[in-house]
Amino acid sequence: MLTSTIEFTVPTAENVTITYDALTVDLSDGRSITVPLAWYPRLINATKAELDNWRLVGKGYGIHWEDIDEDVSIEGLLLGKPSGESQTSFKKWLLSRACQSA
């Protein structure tokens, strides 16, 4: 059986832009990748201030939103992987937000 291996070098993130329906990441190799914000339930339920409070982590291989405890990897974006958070975890997070604002 013959197998081949494809080398895959993940570029780093350089900038992040968030609109009401999309997450766009500018990459170090000159590309930009845009994915639906709906892929990340915490992002779609965040306030503008929370969305604007992001930072690059892991030398640019990930993005972290401190206020909503959300992490997105560049590799995951490139592979087309939406959030892997369980519905139970997400519902618990939503409930904690509702309790904080009450």
N, C-alpha and C. Protein backbone atom coordinates (compact mmCIF):
# COMPACT_ATOMS: atom_id res chain seq x y z
N MET A 1 0.84 -1.17 0.00
CA MET A 1 0.00 0.00 0.00
C MET A 1 0.89 1.24 0.00
N LEU A 2 0.59 2.15 -0.87
CA LEU A 2 1.36 3.38 -0.98
C LEU A 2 0.61 4.51 -0.29
N THR A 3 1.29 5.20 0.58
CA THR A 3 0.68 6.37 1.23
C THR A 3 1.55 7.58 0.97
N SER A 4 0.91 8.71 0.90
CA SER A 4 1.68 9.94 0.74
C SER A 4 1.34 10.88 1.88
N THR A 5 2.28 11.71 2.19
CA THR A 5 2.09 12.67 3.26
C THR A 5 2.14 14.06 2.68
N ILE A 6 1.21 14.86 3.12
CA ILE A 6 1.20 16.26 2.69
C ILE A 6 1.68 17.10 3.86
N GLU A 7 2.71 17.89 3.61
CA GLU A 7 3.17 18.79 4.66
C GLU A 7 2.26 20.01 4.68
N PHE A 8 1.91 20.41 5.89
CA PHE A 8 0.98 21.52 6.07
C PHE A 8 1.59 22.47 7.09
N THR A 9 1.96 23.64 6.65
CA THR A 9 2.50 24.65 7.55
C THR A 9 1.39 25.64 7.86
N VAL A 10 1.10 25.78 9.13
CA VAL A 10 0.02 26.68 9.54
C VAL A 10 0.59 28.09 9.66
N PRO A 11 0.00 29.04 8.93
CA PRO A 11 0.43 30.43 9.08
C PRO A 11 -0.07 30.98 10.41
N THR A 12 0.46 32.09 10.82
CA THR A 12 0.01 32.72 12.05
C THR A 12 -0.99 33.83 11.74
N ALA A 13 -1.75 34.19 12.75
CA ALA A 13 -2.70 35.28 12.62
C ALA A 13 -1.97 36.60 12.82
N GLU A 14 -2.40 37.61 12.07
CA GLU A 14 -1.83 38.94 12.23
C GLU A 14 -2.87 39.96 12.67
N ASN A 15 -4.12 39.75 12.27
CA ASN A 15 -5.19 40.67 12.65
C ASN A 15 -6.52 39.94 12.63
N VAL A 16 -7.45 40.45 13.43
CA VAL A 16 -8.78 39.86 13.54
C VAL A 16 -9.81 40.96 13.33
N THR A 17 -10.82 40.67 12.52
CA THR A 17 -11.93 41.58 12.30
C THR A 17 -13.22 40.81 12.52
N ILE A 18 -14.13 41.42 13.27
CA ILE A 18 -15.40 40.75 13.55
C ILE A 18 -16.54 41.67 13.14
N THR A 19 -17.44 41.13 12.33
CA THR A 19 -18.66 41.86 11.96
C THR A 19 -19.83 41.15 12.64
N TYR A 20 -21.04 41.61 12.39
CA TYR A 20 -22.20 41.01 13.03
C TYR A 20 -22.40 39.55 12.64
N ASP A 21 -21.80 39.10 11.53
CA ASP A 21 -22.02 37.72 11.11
C ASP A 21 -20.77 36.95 10.68
N ALA A 22 -19.59 37.56 10.81
CA ALA A 22 -18.39 36.87 10.33
C ALA A 22 -17.16 37.18 11.18
N LEU A 23 -16.27 36.21 11.20
CA LEU A 23 -14.94 36.35 11.82
C LEU A 23 -13.94 36.27 10.68
N THR A 24 -13.11 37.31 10.53
CA THR A 24 -12.09 37.32 9.49
C THR A 24 -10.73 37.44 10.15
N VAL A 25 -9.82 36.58 9.74
CA VAL A 25 -8.46 36.58 10.28
C VAL A 25 -7.49 36.77 9.12
N ASP A 26 -6.64 37.80 9.24
CA ASP A 26 -5.58 38.03 8.27
C ASP A 26 -4.37 37.19 8.69
N LEU A 27 -3.85 36.42 7.75
CA LEU A 27 -2.78 35.47 8.04
C LEU A 27 -1.41 35.97 7.57
N SER A 28 -0.38 35.41 8.15
CA SER A 28 1.00 35.82 7.85
C SER A 28 1.43 35.50 6.43
N ASP A 29 0.72 34.58 5.76
CA ASP A 29 1.09 34.23 4.39
C ASP A 29 0.36 35.09 3.36
N GLY A 30 -0.37 36.11 3.82
CA GLY A 30 -1.05 37.02 2.92
C GLY A 30 -2.52 36.71 2.68
N ARG A 31 -2.95 35.55 3.11
CA ARG A 31 -4.36 35.20 2.96
C ARG A 31 -5.18 35.77 4.10
N SER A 32 -6.47 35.87 3.86
CA SER A 32 -7.45 36.16 4.91
C SER A 32 -8.47 35.05 4.85
N ILE A 33 -8.91 34.60 6.01
CA ILE A 33 -9.93 33.57 6.06
C ILE A 33 -11.13 34.13 6.81
N THR A 34 -12.31 33.93 6.23
CA THR A 34 -13.55 34.40 6.84
C THR A 34 -14.45 33.21 7.08
N VAL A 35 -14.97 33.12 8.30
CA VAL A 35 -15.90 32.05 8.66
C VAL A 35 -17.13 32.67 9.30
N PRO A 36 -18.25 31.95 9.28
CA PRO A 36 -19.46 32.48 9.91
C PRO A 36 -19.27 32.62 11.42
N LEU A 37 -19.70 33.72 11.96
CA LEU A 37 -19.62 33.93 13.41
C LEU A 37 -20.47 32.87 14.14
N ALA A 38 -21.49 32.38 13.47
CA ALA A 38 -22.36 31.35 14.06
C ALA A 38 -21.60 30.06 14.40
N TRP A 39 -20.42 29.87 13.84
CA TRP A 39 -19.60 28.71 14.19
C TRP A 39 -19.16 28.76 15.64
N TYR A 40 -19.19 29.94 16.23
CA TYR A 40 -18.69 30.14 17.59
C TYR A 40 -19.79 30.79 18.43
N PRO A 41 -20.63 29.97 19.07
CA PRO A 41 -21.78 30.50 19.81
C PRO A 41 -21.42 31.56 20.85
N ARG A 42 -20.28 31.42 21.50
CA ARG A 42 -19.91 32.45 22.49
C ARG A 42 -19.64 33.78 21.81
N LEU A 43 -19.05 33.74 20.63
CA LEU A 43 -18.79 34.99 19.92
C LEU A 43 -20.09 35.65 19.46
N ILE A 44 -20.99 34.84 18.95
CA ILE A 44 -22.23 35.42 18.43
C ILE A 44 -23.11 35.97 19.56
N ASN A 45 -22.89 35.50 20.80
CA ASN A 45 -23.65 35.98 21.94
C ASN A 45 -22.89 37.02 22.76
N ALA A 46 -21.74 37.45 22.29
CA ALA A 46 -20.93 38.43 23.01
C ALA A 46 -21.32 39.85 22.64
N THR A 47 -20.99 40.78 23.54
CA THR A 47 -21.19 42.19 23.25
C THR A 47 -20.06 42.68 22.35
N LYS A 48 -20.25 43.84 21.76
CA LYS A 48 -19.19 44.41 20.92
C LYS A 48 -17.91 44.61 21.72
N ALA A 49 -18.06 45.11 22.94
CA ALA A 49 -16.88 45.31 23.80
C ALA A 49 -16.15 44.00 24.06
N GLU A 50 -16.90 42.92 24.29
CA GLU A 50 -16.28 41.61 24.52
C GLU A 50 -15.60 41.11 23.26
N LEU A 51 -16.24 41.31 22.12
CA LEU A 51 -15.64 40.87 20.85
C LEU A 51 -14.36 41.64 20.54
N ASP A 52 -14.33 42.91 20.89
CA ASP A 52 -13.16 43.74 20.61
C ASP A 52 -11.98 43.43 21.53
N ASN A 53 -12.23 42.70 22.61
CA ASN A 53 -11.18 42.39 23.59
C ASN A 53 -10.56 41.02 23.29
N TRP A 54 -9.85 40.93 22.18
CA TRP A 54 -9.18 39.70 21.78
C TRP A 54 -7.67 39.92 21.81
N ARG A 55 -6.94 38.82 21.85
CA ARG A 55 -5.48 38.89 21.73
C ARG A 55 -4.99 37.62 21.05
N LEU A 56 -3.87 37.75 20.37
CA LEU A 56 -3.24 36.58 19.75
C LEU A 56 -2.51 35.80 20.82
N VAL A 57 -2.59 34.50 20.78
CA VAL A 57 -1.91 33.63 21.74
C VAL A 57 -1.10 32.58 20.98
N GLY A 58 -0.18 31.94 21.69
CA GLY A 58 0.61 30.88 21.07
C GLY A 58 1.40 31.35 19.87
N LYS A 59 1.98 32.54 20.00
CA LYS A 59 2.78 33.13 18.92
C LYS A 59 1.97 33.34 17.64
N GLY A 60 0.66 33.58 17.79
CA GLY A 60 -0.19 33.86 16.64
C GLY A 60 -0.91 32.65 16.08
N TYR A 61 -0.77 31.49 16.73
CA TYR A 61 -1.45 30.30 16.25
C TYR A 61 -2.86 30.17 16.83
N GLY A 62 -3.25 31.13 17.66
CA GLY A 62 -4.59 31.12 18.22
C GLY A 62 -5.05 32.52 18.58
N ILE A 63 -6.35 32.64 18.84
CA ILE A 63 -6.96 33.90 19.25
C ILE A 63 -7.72 33.62 20.53
N HIS A 64 -7.60 34.52 21.50
CA HIS A 64 -8.29 34.34 22.78
C HIS A 64 -9.11 35.57 23.11
N TRP A 65 -10.35 35.33 23.55
CA TRP A 65 -11.23 36.37 24.04
C TRP A 65 -11.38 36.16 25.54
N GLU A 66 -10.71 36.98 26.32
CA GLU A 66 -10.66 36.84 27.78
C GLU A 66 -12.05 36.93 28.41
N ASP A 67 -12.83 37.93 28.01
CA ASP A 67 -14.12 38.20 28.66
C ASP A 67 -15.13 37.07 28.52
N ILE A 68 -15.01 36.29 27.45
CA ILE A 68 -15.99 35.22 27.22
C ILE A 68 -15.33 33.84 27.23
N ASP A 69 -14.05 33.80 27.57
CA ASP A 69 -13.30 32.55 27.67
C ASP A 69 -13.44 31.70 26.41
N GLU A 70 -13.15 32.33 25.27
CA GLU A 70 -13.23 31.64 23.97
C GLU A 70 -11.85 31.61 23.32
N ASP A 71 -11.50 30.47 22.75
CA ASP A 71 -10.25 30.31 22.03
C ASP A 71 -10.54 29.72 20.66
N VAL A 72 -9.88 30.26 19.64
CA VAL A 72 -10.02 29.77 18.28
C VAL A 72 -8.61 29.54 17.73
N SER A 73 -8.37 28.35 17.18
CA SER A 73 -7.05 28.07 16.60
C SER A 73 -7.06 28.39 15.11
N ILE A 74 -5.93 28.83 14.63
CA ILE A 74 -5.80 29.11 13.20
C ILE A 74 -5.92 27.81 12.40
N GLU A 75 -5.33 26.76 12.91
CA GLU A 75 -5.43 25.47 12.22
C GLU A 75 -6.89 25.04 12.11
N GLY A 76 -7.66 25.21 13.17
CA GLY A 76 -9.08 24.86 13.14
C GLY A 76 -9.85 25.67 12.10
N LEU A 77 -9.53 26.97 12.01
CA LEU A 77 -10.16 27.81 11.00
C LEU A 77 -9.86 27.30 9.60
N LEU A 78 -8.58 27.01 9.35
CA LEU A 78 -8.17 26.54 8.02
C LEU A 78 -8.77 25.19 7.67
N LEU A 79 -9.01 24.37 8.68
CA LEU A 79 -9.60 23.05 8.44
C LEU A 79 -11.13 23.09 8.41
N GLY A 80 -11.70 24.28 8.64
CA GLY A 80 -13.15 24.42 8.60
C GLY A 80 -13.87 23.84 9.79
N LYS A 81 -13.21 23.85 10.95
CA LYS A 81 -13.80 23.27 12.16
C LYS A 81 -14.49 24.35 12.99
N PRO A 82 -15.79 24.24 13.19
CA PRO A 82 -16.48 25.17 14.08
C PRO A 82 -16.18 24.82 15.53
N SER A 83 -16.74 25.58 16.44
CA SER A 83 -16.53 25.35 17.87
C SER A 83 -16.84 23.90 18.24
N GLY A 84 -16.02 23.35 19.10
CA GLY A 84 -16.25 21.99 19.56
C GLY A 84 -16.93 21.95 20.92
N GLU A 85 -17.39 23.11 21.40
CA GLU A 85 -18.01 23.17 22.72
C GLU A 85 -19.34 22.41 22.72
N SER A 86 -19.56 21.65 23.77
CA SER A 86 -20.81 20.90 23.86
C SER A 86 -21.98 21.83 24.16
N GLN A 87 -23.16 21.39 23.81
CA GLN A 87 -24.36 22.17 24.10
C GLN A 87 -24.55 22.36 25.60
N THR A 88 -24.20 21.36 26.38
CA THR A 88 -24.32 21.46 27.84
C THR A 88 -23.41 22.56 28.37
N SER A 89 -22.18 22.58 27.91
CA SER A 89 -21.23 23.60 28.34
C SER A 89 -21.69 24.99 27.92
N PHE A 90 -22.15 25.10 26.68
CA PHE A 90 -22.60 26.40 26.18
C PHE A 90 -23.82 26.90 26.96
N LYS A 91 -24.78 26.02 27.23
CA LYS A 91 -25.96 26.42 28.00
C LYS A 91 -25.59 26.86 29.40
N LYS A 92 -24.63 26.18 30.02
CA LYS A 92 -24.15 26.57 31.35
C LYS A 92 -23.51 27.96 31.29
N TRP A 93 -22.73 28.21 30.23
CA TRP A 93 -22.10 29.53 30.06
C TRP A 93 -23.16 30.61 29.88
N LEU A 94 -24.17 30.36 29.04
CA LEU A 94 -25.25 31.32 28.83
C LEU A 94 -25.97 31.63 30.14
N LEU A 95 -26.24 30.60 30.92
CA LEU A 95 -26.92 30.78 32.20
C LEU A 95 -26.08 31.64 33.14
N SER A 96 -24.78 31.41 33.16
CA SER A 96 -23.91 32.21 34.03
C SER A 96 -23.90 33.67 33.62
N ARG A 97 -24.01 33.93 32.32
CA ARG A 97 -24.09 35.32 31.83
C ARG A 97 -25.39 35.97 32.25
N ALA A 98 -26.48 35.21 32.19
CA ALA A 98 -27.78 35.74 32.56
C ALA A 98 -27.81 36.08 34.05
N CYS A 99 -27.16 35.23 34.86
CA CYS A 99 -27.11 35.49 36.30
C CYS A 99 -26.27 36.70 36.63
N GLN A 100 -25.20 36.93 35.86
CA GLN A 100 -24.33 38.08 36.09
C GLN A 100 -25.03 39.39 35.78
N SER A 101 -25.89 39.39 34.77
CA SER A 101 -26.55 40.62 34.36
C SER A 101 -27.83 40.90 35.16
N ALA A 102 -28.26 39.92 35.93
CA ALA A 102 -29.49 40.11 36.72
C ALA A 102 -29.24 40.86 38.01
